[in-house]
Amino acid sequence: MRKAINDWFGSYYKPADIRSAAAGIYMEEFTEEELKQMVAFYETPVGRKVLMKMSVLISKLTAMAEKFTAGKQNTLTTTIRPILEKYGMTNIVSELTHRKRTSNSPQ
């Protein structure tokens, strides 16, 4: 399975391009000194464990956040709609209204 996914991915994306794009994002968000400190951390046993567990953590945290927000999105939409309209962000208001209609639709 891993080989098939890697082969597919490799046929569409060059690893060097992905690394370069990712490095650019990190450079936008962190100073050179911070990046050096991050590398030092990820070279420690705890840092390696964080890297190994990151996708599991993100999945679990996302699921937790979805539980906390389930059924409450409409109240947020109602709260922020006037603010968005005030600043002329009607495209976002339209998207929120569309999501509200589709999330309330019977499935």
C-alpha atoms as a PDB file:
ATOM      1  CA  MET A   1       0.000   0.000   0.000  1.00  0.00           C
ATOM      2  CA  ARG A   2       2.719   2.455   1.013  1.00  0.00           C
ATOM      3  CA  LYS A   3       4.597   1.817  -2.245  1.00  0.00           C
ATOM      4  CA  ALA A   4       1.468   2.387  -4.344  1.00  0.00           C
ATOM      5  CA  ILE A   5       0.749   5.668  -2.570  1.00  0.00           C
ATOM      6  CA  ASN A   6       4.367   6.790  -2.849  1.00  0.00           C
ATOM      7  CA  ASP A   7       4.449   5.894  -6.549  1.00  0.00           C
ATOM      8  CA  TRP A   8       1.209   7.780  -7.203  1.00  0.00           C
ATOM      9  CA  PHE A   9       2.370  10.786  -5.211  1.00  0.00           C
ATOM     10  CA  GLY A  10       5.751  10.763  -6.952  1.00  0.00           C
ATOM     11  CA  SER A  11       4.125  10.737 -10.369  1.00  0.00           C
ATOM     12  CA  TYR A  12       2.397  14.060  -9.618  1.00  0.00           C
ATOM     13  CA  TYR A  13       4.691  15.839  -7.180  1.00  0.00           C
ATOM     14  CA  LYS A  14       8.437  16.329  -6.933  1.00  0.00           C
ATOM     15  CA  PRO A  15       9.726  15.922  -3.356  1.00  0.00           C
ATOM     16  CA  ALA A  16      12.144  18.824  -3.852  1.00  0.00           C
ATOM     17  CA  ASP A  17       9.263  21.137  -4.805  1.00  0.00           C
ATOM     18  CA  ILE A  18       7.266  20.125  -1.739  1.00  0.00           C
ATOM     19  CA  ARG A  19      10.272  20.554   0.562  1.00  0.00           C
ATOM     20  CA  SER A  20      10.993  23.959  -0.926  1.00  0.00           C
ATOM     21  CA  ALA A  21       7.387  25.122  -0.546  1.00  0.00           C
ATOM     22  CA  ALA A  22       7.203  23.799   3.033  1.00  0.00           C
ATOM     23  CA  ALA A  23      10.505  25.469   3.913  1.00  0.00           C
ATOM     24  CA  GLY A  24       9.137  28.758   2.615  1.00  0.00           C
ATOM     25  CA  ILE A  25       6.095  28.469   4.871  1.00  0.00           C
ATOM     26  CA  TYR A  26       8.258  27.732   7.906  1.00  0.00           C
ATOM     27  CA  MET A  27      10.515  30.670   7.036  1.00  0.00           C
ATOM     28  CA  GLU A  28       7.482  32.977   6.898  1.00  0.00           C
ATOM     29  CA  GLU A  29       6.372  31.908  10.358  1.00  0.00           C
ATOM     30  CA  PHE A  30       9.628  31.395  12.277  1.00  0.00           C
ATOM     31  CA  THR A  31      12.967  33.150  12.628  1.00  0.00           C
ATOM     32  CA  GLU A  32      16.172  31.348  11.730  1.00  0.00           C
ATOM     33  CA  GLU A  33      16.989  30.960  15.432  1.00  0.00           C
ATOM     34  CA  GLU A  34      13.558  29.485  16.142  1.00  0.00           C
ATOM     35  CA  LEU A  35      13.995  27.010  13.292  1.00  0.00           C
ATOM     36  CA  LYS A  36      17.361  25.930  14.711  1.00  0.00           C
ATOM     37  CA  GLN A  37      15.729  25.402  18.105  1.00  0.00           C
ATOM     38  CA  MET A  38      12.938  23.379  16.502  1.00  0.00           C
ATOM     39  CA  VAL A  39      15.442  21.138  14.744  1.00  0.00           C
ATOM     40  CA  ALA A  40      17.304  20.621  18.025  1.00  0.00           C
ATOM     41  CA  PHE A  41      14.033  19.689  19.753  1.00  0.00           C
ATOM     42  CA  TYR A  42      12.931  17.260  17.029  1.00  0.00           C
ATOM     43  CA  GLU A  43      16.300  15.514  17.270  1.00  0.00           C
ATOM     44  CA  THR A  44      15.584  14.612  20.929  1.00  0.00           C
ATOM     45  CA  PRO A  45      13.658  11.444  21.881  1.00  0.00           C
ATOM     46  CA  VAL A  46      10.624  13.512  22.924  1.00  0.00           C
ATOM     47  CA  GLY A  47      10.796  15.552  19.717  1.00  0.00           C
ATOM     48  CA  ARG A  48      10.894  12.380  17.618  1.00  0.00           C
ATOM     49  CA  LYS A  49       7.887  11.066  19.545  1.00  0.00           C
ATOM     50  CA  VAL A  50       5.991  14.311  18.906  1.00  0.00           C
ATOM     51  CA  LEU A  51       6.656  13.904  15.180  1.00  0.00           C
ATOM     52  CA  MET A  52       5.540  10.270  15.246  1.00  0.00           C
ATOM     53  CA  LYS A  53       2.310  11.130  17.092  1.00  0.00           C
ATOM     54  CA  MET A  54       1.489  14.418  15.329  1.00  0.00           C
ATOM     55  CA  SER A  55      -1.072  13.032  12.864  1.00  0.00           C
ATOM     56  CA  VAL A  56      -2.840  11.082  15.640  1.00  0.00           C
ATOM     57  CA  LEU A  57      -2.880  14.178  17.854  1.00  0.00           C
ATOM     58  CA  ILE A  58      -4.265  16.361  15.076  1.00  0.00           C
ATOM     59  CA  SER A  59      -7.005  13.812  14.302  1.00  0.00           C
ATOM     60  CA  LYS A  60      -8.002  13.479  17.952  1.00  0.00           C
ATOM     61  CA  LEU A  61      -7.909  17.235  18.569  1.00  0.00           C
ATOM     62  CA  THR A  62      -9.991  17.880  15.453  1.00  0.00           C
ATOM     63  CA  ALA A  63     -12.581  15.315  16.573  1.00  0.00           C
ATOM     64  CA  MET A  64     -12.649  16.897  20.036  1.00  0.00           C
ATOM     65  CA  ALA A  65     -13.165  20.375  18.562  1.00  0.00           C
ATOM     66  CA  GLU A  66     -15.975  19.075  16.352  1.00  0.00           C
ATOM     67  CA  LYS A  67     -17.716  17.613  19.419  1.00  0.00           C
ATOM     68  CA  PHE A  68     -17.471  20.920  21.253  1.00  0.00           C
ATOM     69  CA  THR A  69     -18.809  22.917  18.316  1.00  0.00           C
ATOM     70  CA  ALA A  70     -21.449  20.459  17.060  1.00  0.00           C
ATOM     71  CA  GLY A  71     -24.789  22.189  16.732  1.00  0.00           C
ATOM     72  CA  LYS A  72     -23.393  25.581  17.710  1.00  0.00           C
ATOM     73  CA  GLN A  73     -22.201  26.863  14.322  1.00  0.00           C
ATOM     74  CA  ASN A  74     -25.521  28.544  13.608  1.00  0.00           C
ATOM     75  CA  THR A  75     -25.171  30.745  16.692  1.00  0.00           C
ATOM     76  CA  LEU A  76     -21.721  31.842  15.498  1.00  0.00           C
ATOM     77  CA  THR A  77     -23.074  32.580  12.035  1.00  0.00           C
ATOM     78  CA  THR A  78     -25.861  34.688  13.558  1.00  0.00           C
ATOM     79  CA  THR A  79     -23.335  36.533  15.714  1.00  0.00           C
ATOM     80  CA  ILE A  80     -20.805  37.385  13.014  1.00  0.00           C
ATOM     81  CA  ARG A  81     -23.124  37.989  10.035  1.00  0.00           C
ATOM     82  CA  PRO A  82     -23.777  41.673  10.930  1.00  0.00           C
ATOM     83  CA  ILE A  83     -20.036  42.296  11.345  1.00  0.00           C
ATOM     84  CA  LEU A  84     -19.234  40.733   7.979  1.00  0.00           C
ATOM     85  CA  GLU A  85     -22.018  42.703   6.302  1.00  0.00           C
ATOM     86  CA  LYS A  86     -20.760  45.925   7.916  1.00  0.00           C
ATOM     87  CA  TYR A  87     -17.375  45.445   6.237  1.00  0.00           C
ATOM     88  CA  GLY A  88     -18.815  44.410   2.881  1.00  0.00           C
ATOM     89  CA  MET A  89     -17.832  40.770   3.159  1.00  0.00           C
ATOM     90  CA  THR A  90     -21.006  39.587   1.488  1.00  0.00           C
ATOM     91  CA  ASN A  91     -19.281  36.648  -0.199  1.00  0.00           C
ATOM     92  CA  ILE A  92     -18.538  35.187   3.236  1.00  0.00           C
ATOM     93  CA  VAL A  93     -22.085  35.911   4.414  1.00  0.00           C
ATOM     94  CA  SER A  94     -23.413  34.048   1.361  1.00  0.00           C
ATOM     95  CA  GLU A  95     -21.149  31.075   2.074  1.00  0.00           C
ATOM     96  CA  LEU A  96     -22.252  30.972   5.723  1.00  0.00           C
ATOM     97  CA  THR A  97     -25.902  31.146   4.710  1.00  0.00           C
ATOM     98  CA  HIS A  98     -25.393  28.322   2.183  1.00  0.00           C
ATOM     99  CA  ARG A  99     -23.647  26.151   4.792  1.00  0.00           C
ATOM    100  CA  LYS A 100     -26.430  26.823   7.288  1.00  0.00           C
ATOM    101  CA  ARG A 101     -29.087  25.744   4.761  1.00  0.00           C
ATOM    102  CA  THR A 102     -27.214  22.587   3.738  1.00  0.00           C
ATOM    103  CA  SER A 103     -26.351  21.609   7.313  1.00  0.00           C
ATOM    104  CA  ASN A 104     -30.018  21.890   8.308  1.00  0.00           C
ATOM    105  CA  SER A 105     -31.221  19.843   5.349  1.00  0.00           C
ATOM    106  CA  PRO A 106     -32.473  16.337   6.071  1.00  0.00           C
ATOM    107  CA  GLN A 107     -30.108  13.691   4.748  1.00  0.00           C
END
